[in-house]
Protein backbone atom coordinates (compact mmCIF):
# COMPACT_ATOMS: atom_id res chain seq x y z
CA UNK A 1 0.00 0.00 0.00
CA UNK A 2 1.27 3.47 -0.87
CA UNK A 3 2.12 5.72 2.04
CA UNK A 4 1.53 9.09 0.38
CA UNK A 5 -0.78 10.71 -2.13
CA UNK A 6 1.94 10.89 -4.76
CA UNK A 7 2.79 7.21 -4.26
CA UNK A 8 -0.89 6.33 -4.65
CA UNK A 9 -1.09 8.30 -7.89
CA UNK A 10 2.09 6.69 -9.15
CA UNK A 11 0.66 3.26 -8.42
CA UNK A 12 -2.55 4.08 -10.33
CA UNK A 13 -0.56 5.35 -13.30
CA UNK A 14 1.71 2.33 -13.40
CA UNK A 15 -1.27 -0.04 -13.37
CA UNK A 16 -2.85 1.82 -16.28
CA UNK A 17 0.42 1.85 -18.24
CA UNK A 18 1.02 -1.84 -17.57
CA UNK A 19 -2.44 -2.76 -18.86
CA UNK A 20 -2.02 -0.59 -21.96
CA UNK A 21 1.41 -2.07 -22.69
CA UNK A 22 0.04 -5.61 -22.31
CA UNK A 23 -2.75 -4.91 -24.78
CA UNK A 24 -0.43 -3.33 -27.32
CA UNK A 25 2.19 -6.07 -27.00
CA UNK A 26 -0.50 -8.72 -27.39
CA UNK A 27 -1.88 -6.99 -30.51
CA UNK A 28 1.63 -6.84 -31.98
CA UNK A 29 2.22 -10.54 -31.34
CA UNK A 30 -1.13 -11.33 -32.93
CA UNK A 31 -0.13 -9.42 -36.09
CA UNK A 32 3.17 -11.30 -36.22
CA UNK A 33 1.43 -14.67 -35.86
CA UNK A 34 -1.12 -13.71 -38.51
CA UNK A 35 1.66 -12.83 -40.96
CA UNK A 36 3.57 -16.06 -40.29
CA UNK A 37 0.44 -18.17 -40.71
CA UNK A 38 -0.36 -16.30 -43.93
CA UNK A 39 3.02 -17.33 -45.35
CA UNK A 40 2.32 -20.97 -44.52
CA UNK A 41 -0.89 -20.80 -46.59
CA UNK A 42 1.05 -19.87 -49.77
CA UNK A 43 -0.50 -16.43 -50.48
CA UNK A 44 -0.07 -14.33 -53.58
CA UNK A 45 2.89 -11.96 -53.69
CA UNK A 46 0.60 -8.93 -53.42
CA UNK A 47 -1.15 -10.23 -50.30
CA UNK A 48 2.16 -11.00 -48.64
CA UNK A 49 3.59 -7.57 -49.49
CA UNK A 50 0.50 -5.81 -48.18
CA UNK A 51 0.50 -7.74 -44.90
CA UNK A 52 4.27 -7.32 -44.54
CA UNK A 53 3.86 -3.55 -44.80
CA UNK A 54 1.29 -3.59 -42.01
CA UNK A 55 3.53 -5.71 -39.78
CA UNK A 56 6.55 -3.47 -40.39
CA UNK A 57 4.47 -0.40 -39.56
CA UNK A 58 3.26 -2.01 -36.33
CA UNK A 59 6.83 -2.95 -35.33
CA UNK A 60 8.09 0.57 -36.02
CA UNK A 61 5.27 2.09 -34.01
CA UNK A 62 5.93 -0.27 -31.10
CA UNK A 63 9.62 0.64 -31.18
CA UNK A 64 8.87 4.36 -31.28
CA UNK A 65 6.59 3.99 -28.24
CA UNK A 66 9.37 2.00 -26.52
CA UNK A 67 7.07 -0.98 -26.24
CA UNK A 68 9.90 -3.04 -27.73
CA UNK A 69 13.53 -2.11 -28.31
CA UNK A 70 14.39 -0.66 -31.72
CA UNK A 71 16.93 -3.42 -32.37
CA UNK A 72 14.29 -6.04 -31.59
CA UNK A 73 11.99 -4.42 -34.13
CA UNK A 74 14.76 -4.33 -36.71
CA UNK A 75 15.74 -7.96 -36.11
CA UNK A 76 12.12 -9.11 -36.36
CA UNK A 77 11.57 -7.19 -39.61
CA UNK A 78 14.71 -8.72 -41.07
CA UNK A 79 13.67 -12.25 -40.12
CA UNK A 80 10.16 -11.77 -41.50
CA UNK A 81 11.53 -10.37 -44.78
CA UNK A 82 13.81 -13.39 -45.12
CA UNK A 83 10.90 -15.71 -44.41
CA UNK A 84 8.77 -13.95 -47.02
CA UNK A 85 11.56 -14.15 -49.58
CA UNK A 86 12.11 -17.84 -48.86
CA UNK A 87 8.39 -18.51 -49.30
CA UNK A 88 8.31 -17.09 -52.82
CA UNK A 89 11.77 -18.15 -54.05
CA UNK A 90 11.84 -21.72 -52.80
C-alpha atoms as a PDB file:
ATOM      1  CA  UNK A   1       0.000   0.000   0.000  1.00  0.00           C
ATOM      2  CA  UNK A   2       1.272   3.468  -0.867  1.00  0.00           C
ATOM      3  CA  UNK A   3       2.119   5.723   2.040  1.00  0.00           C
ATOM      4  CA  UNK A   4       1.533   9.093   0.379  1.00  0.00           C
ATOM      5  CA  UNK A   5      -0.780  10.715  -2.129  1.00  0.00           C
ATOM      6  CA  UNK A   6       1.941  10.888  -4.760  1.00  0.00           C
ATOM      7  CA  UNK A   7       2.795   7.209  -4.264  1.00  0.00           C
ATOM      8  CA  UNK A   8      -0.891   6.325  -4.650  1.00  0.00           C
ATOM      9  CA  UNK A   9      -1.094   8.302  -7.891  1.00  0.00           C
ATOM     10  CA  UNK A  10       2.093   6.692  -9.151  1.00  0.00           C
ATOM     11  CA  UNK A  11       0.655   3.257  -8.423  1.00  0.00           C
ATOM     12  CA  UNK A  12      -2.545   4.078 -10.329  1.00  0.00           C
ATOM     13  CA  UNK A  13      -0.561   5.351 -13.301  1.00  0.00           C
ATOM     14  CA  UNK A  14       1.715   2.330 -13.401  1.00  0.00           C
ATOM     15  CA  UNK A  15      -1.269  -0.040 -13.365  1.00  0.00           C
ATOM     16  CA  UNK A  16      -2.851   1.815 -16.285  1.00  0.00           C
ATOM     17  CA  UNK A  17       0.418   1.852 -18.242  1.00  0.00           C
ATOM     18  CA  UNK A  18       1.018  -1.843 -17.571  1.00  0.00           C
ATOM     19  CA  UNK A  19      -2.443  -2.756 -18.861  1.00  0.00           C
ATOM     20  CA  UNK A  20      -2.025  -0.593 -21.965  1.00  0.00           C
ATOM     21  CA  UNK A  21       1.406  -2.070 -22.692  1.00  0.00           C
ATOM     22  CA  UNK A  22       0.043  -5.612 -22.309  1.00  0.00           C
ATOM     23  CA  UNK A  23      -2.748  -4.908 -24.775  1.00  0.00           C
ATOM     24  CA  UNK A  24      -0.426  -3.329 -27.323  1.00  0.00           C
ATOM     25  CA  UNK A  25       2.189  -6.068 -26.999  1.00  0.00           C
ATOM     26  CA  UNK A  26      -0.503  -8.717 -27.394  1.00  0.00           C
ATOM     27  CA  UNK A  27      -1.876  -6.991 -30.507  1.00  0.00           C
ATOM     28  CA  UNK A  28       1.635  -6.836 -31.976  1.00  0.00           C
ATOM     29  CA  UNK A  29       2.217 -10.535 -31.335  1.00  0.00           C
ATOM     30  CA  UNK A  30      -1.130 -11.333 -32.928  1.00  0.00           C
ATOM     31  CA  UNK A  31      -0.133  -9.423 -36.091  1.00  0.00           C
ATOM     32  CA  UNK A  32       3.169 -11.303 -36.224  1.00  0.00           C
ATOM     33  CA  UNK A  33       1.428 -14.670 -35.864  1.00  0.00           C
ATOM     34  CA  UNK A  34      -1.124 -13.707 -38.508  1.00  0.00           C
ATOM     35  CA  UNK A  35       1.657 -12.835 -40.962  1.00  0.00           C
ATOM     36  CA  UNK A  36       3.568 -16.055 -40.290  1.00  0.00           C
ATOM     37  CA  UNK A  37       0.436 -18.166 -40.712  1.00  0.00           C
ATOM     38  CA  UNK A  38      -0.355 -16.302 -43.934  1.00  0.00           C
ATOM     39  CA  UNK A  39       3.022 -17.325 -45.345  1.00  0.00           C
ATOM     40  CA  UNK A  40       2.316 -20.966 -44.521  1.00  0.00           C
ATOM     41  CA  UNK A  41      -0.890 -20.798 -46.590  1.00  0.00           C
ATOM     42  CA  UNK A  42       1.048 -19.866 -49.771  1.00  0.00           C
ATOM     43  CA  UNK A  43      -0.496 -16.431 -50.476  1.00  0.00           C
ATOM     44  CA  UNK A  44      -0.074 -14.327 -53.578  1.00  0.00           C
ATOM     45  CA  UNK A  45       2.893 -11.961 -53.685  1.00  0.00           C
ATOM     46  CA  UNK A  46       0.605  -8.927 -53.423  1.00  0.00           C
ATOM     47  CA  UNK A  47      -1.151 -10.229 -50.301  1.00  0.00           C
ATOM     48  CA  UNK A  48       2.164 -11.003 -48.638  1.00  0.00           C
ATOM     49  CA  UNK A  49       3.591  -7.573 -49.492  1.00  0.00           C
ATOM     50  CA  UNK A  50       0.499  -5.812 -48.178  1.00  0.00           C
ATOM     51  CA  UNK A  51       0.496  -7.740 -44.904  1.00  0.00           C
ATOM     52  CA  UNK A  52       4.271  -7.324 -44.540  1.00  0.00           C
ATOM     53  CA  UNK A  53       3.863  -3.554 -44.803  1.00  0.00           C
ATOM     54  CA  UNK A  54       1.290  -3.593 -42.012  1.00  0.00           C
ATOM     55  CA  UNK A  55       3.529  -5.708 -39.775  1.00  0.00           C
ATOM     56  CA  UNK A  56       6.549  -3.473 -40.390  1.00  0.00           C
ATOM     57  CA  UNK A  57       4.473  -0.405 -39.556  1.00  0.00           C
ATOM     58  CA  UNK A  58       3.262  -2.014 -36.329  1.00  0.00           C
ATOM     59  CA  UNK A  59       6.825  -2.952 -35.328  1.00  0.00           C
ATOM     60  CA  UNK A  60       8.092   0.568 -36.023  1.00  0.00           C
ATOM     61  CA  UNK A  61       5.274   2.093 -34.007  1.00  0.00           C
ATOM     62  CA  UNK A  62       5.927  -0.271 -31.095  1.00  0.00           C
ATOM     63  CA  UNK A  63       9.616   0.637 -31.176  1.00  0.00           C
ATOM     64  CA  UNK A  64       8.873   4.360 -31.276  1.00  0.00           C
ATOM     65  CA  UNK A  65       6.588   3.986 -28.238  1.00  0.00           C
ATOM     66  CA  UNK A  66       9.372   1.997 -26.524  1.00  0.00           C
ATOM     67  CA  UNK A  67       7.068  -0.984 -26.238  1.00  0.00           C
ATOM     68  CA  UNK A  68       9.901  -3.039 -27.729  1.00  0.00           C
ATOM     69  CA  UNK A  69      13.534  -2.106 -28.306  1.00  0.00           C
ATOM     70  CA  UNK A  70      14.389  -0.658 -31.725  1.00  0.00           C
ATOM     71  CA  UNK A  71      16.932  -3.419 -32.374  1.00  0.00           C
ATOM     72  CA  UNK A  72      14.291  -6.036 -31.592  1.00  0.00           C
ATOM     73  CA  UNK A  73      11.986  -4.418 -34.132  1.00  0.00           C
ATOM     74  CA  UNK A  74      14.760  -4.331 -36.713  1.00  0.00           C
ATOM     75  CA  UNK A  75      15.740  -7.957 -36.107  1.00  0.00           C
ATOM     76  CA  UNK A  76      12.122  -9.105 -36.360  1.00  0.00           C
ATOM     77  CA  UNK A  77      11.570  -7.192 -39.608  1.00  0.00           C
ATOM     78  CA  UNK A  78      14.709  -8.725 -41.072  1.00  0.00           C
ATOM     79  CA  UNK A  79      13.667 -12.254 -40.124  1.00  0.00           C
ATOM     80  CA  UNK A  80      10.156 -11.768 -41.499  1.00  0.00           C
ATOM     81  CA  UNK A  81      11.530 -10.365 -44.778  1.00  0.00           C
ATOM     82  CA  UNK A  82      13.814 -13.386 -45.120  1.00  0.00           C
ATOM     83  CA  UNK A  83      10.900 -15.715 -44.409  1.00  0.00           C
ATOM     84  CA  UNK A  84       8.770 -13.949 -47.020  1.00  0.00           C
ATOM     85  CA  UNK A  85      11.559 -14.153 -49.576  1.00  0.00           C
ATOM     86  CA  UNK A  86      12.106 -17.838 -48.858  1.00  0.00           C
ATOM     87  CA  UNK A  87       8.389 -18.514 -49.296  1.00  0.00           C
ATOM     88  CA  UNK A  88       8.314 -17.090 -52.816  1.00  0.00           C
ATOM     89  CA  UNK A  89      11.769 -18.149 -54.049  1.00  0.00           C
ATOM     90  CA  UNK A  90      11.843 -21.721 -52.804  1.00  0.00           C
END
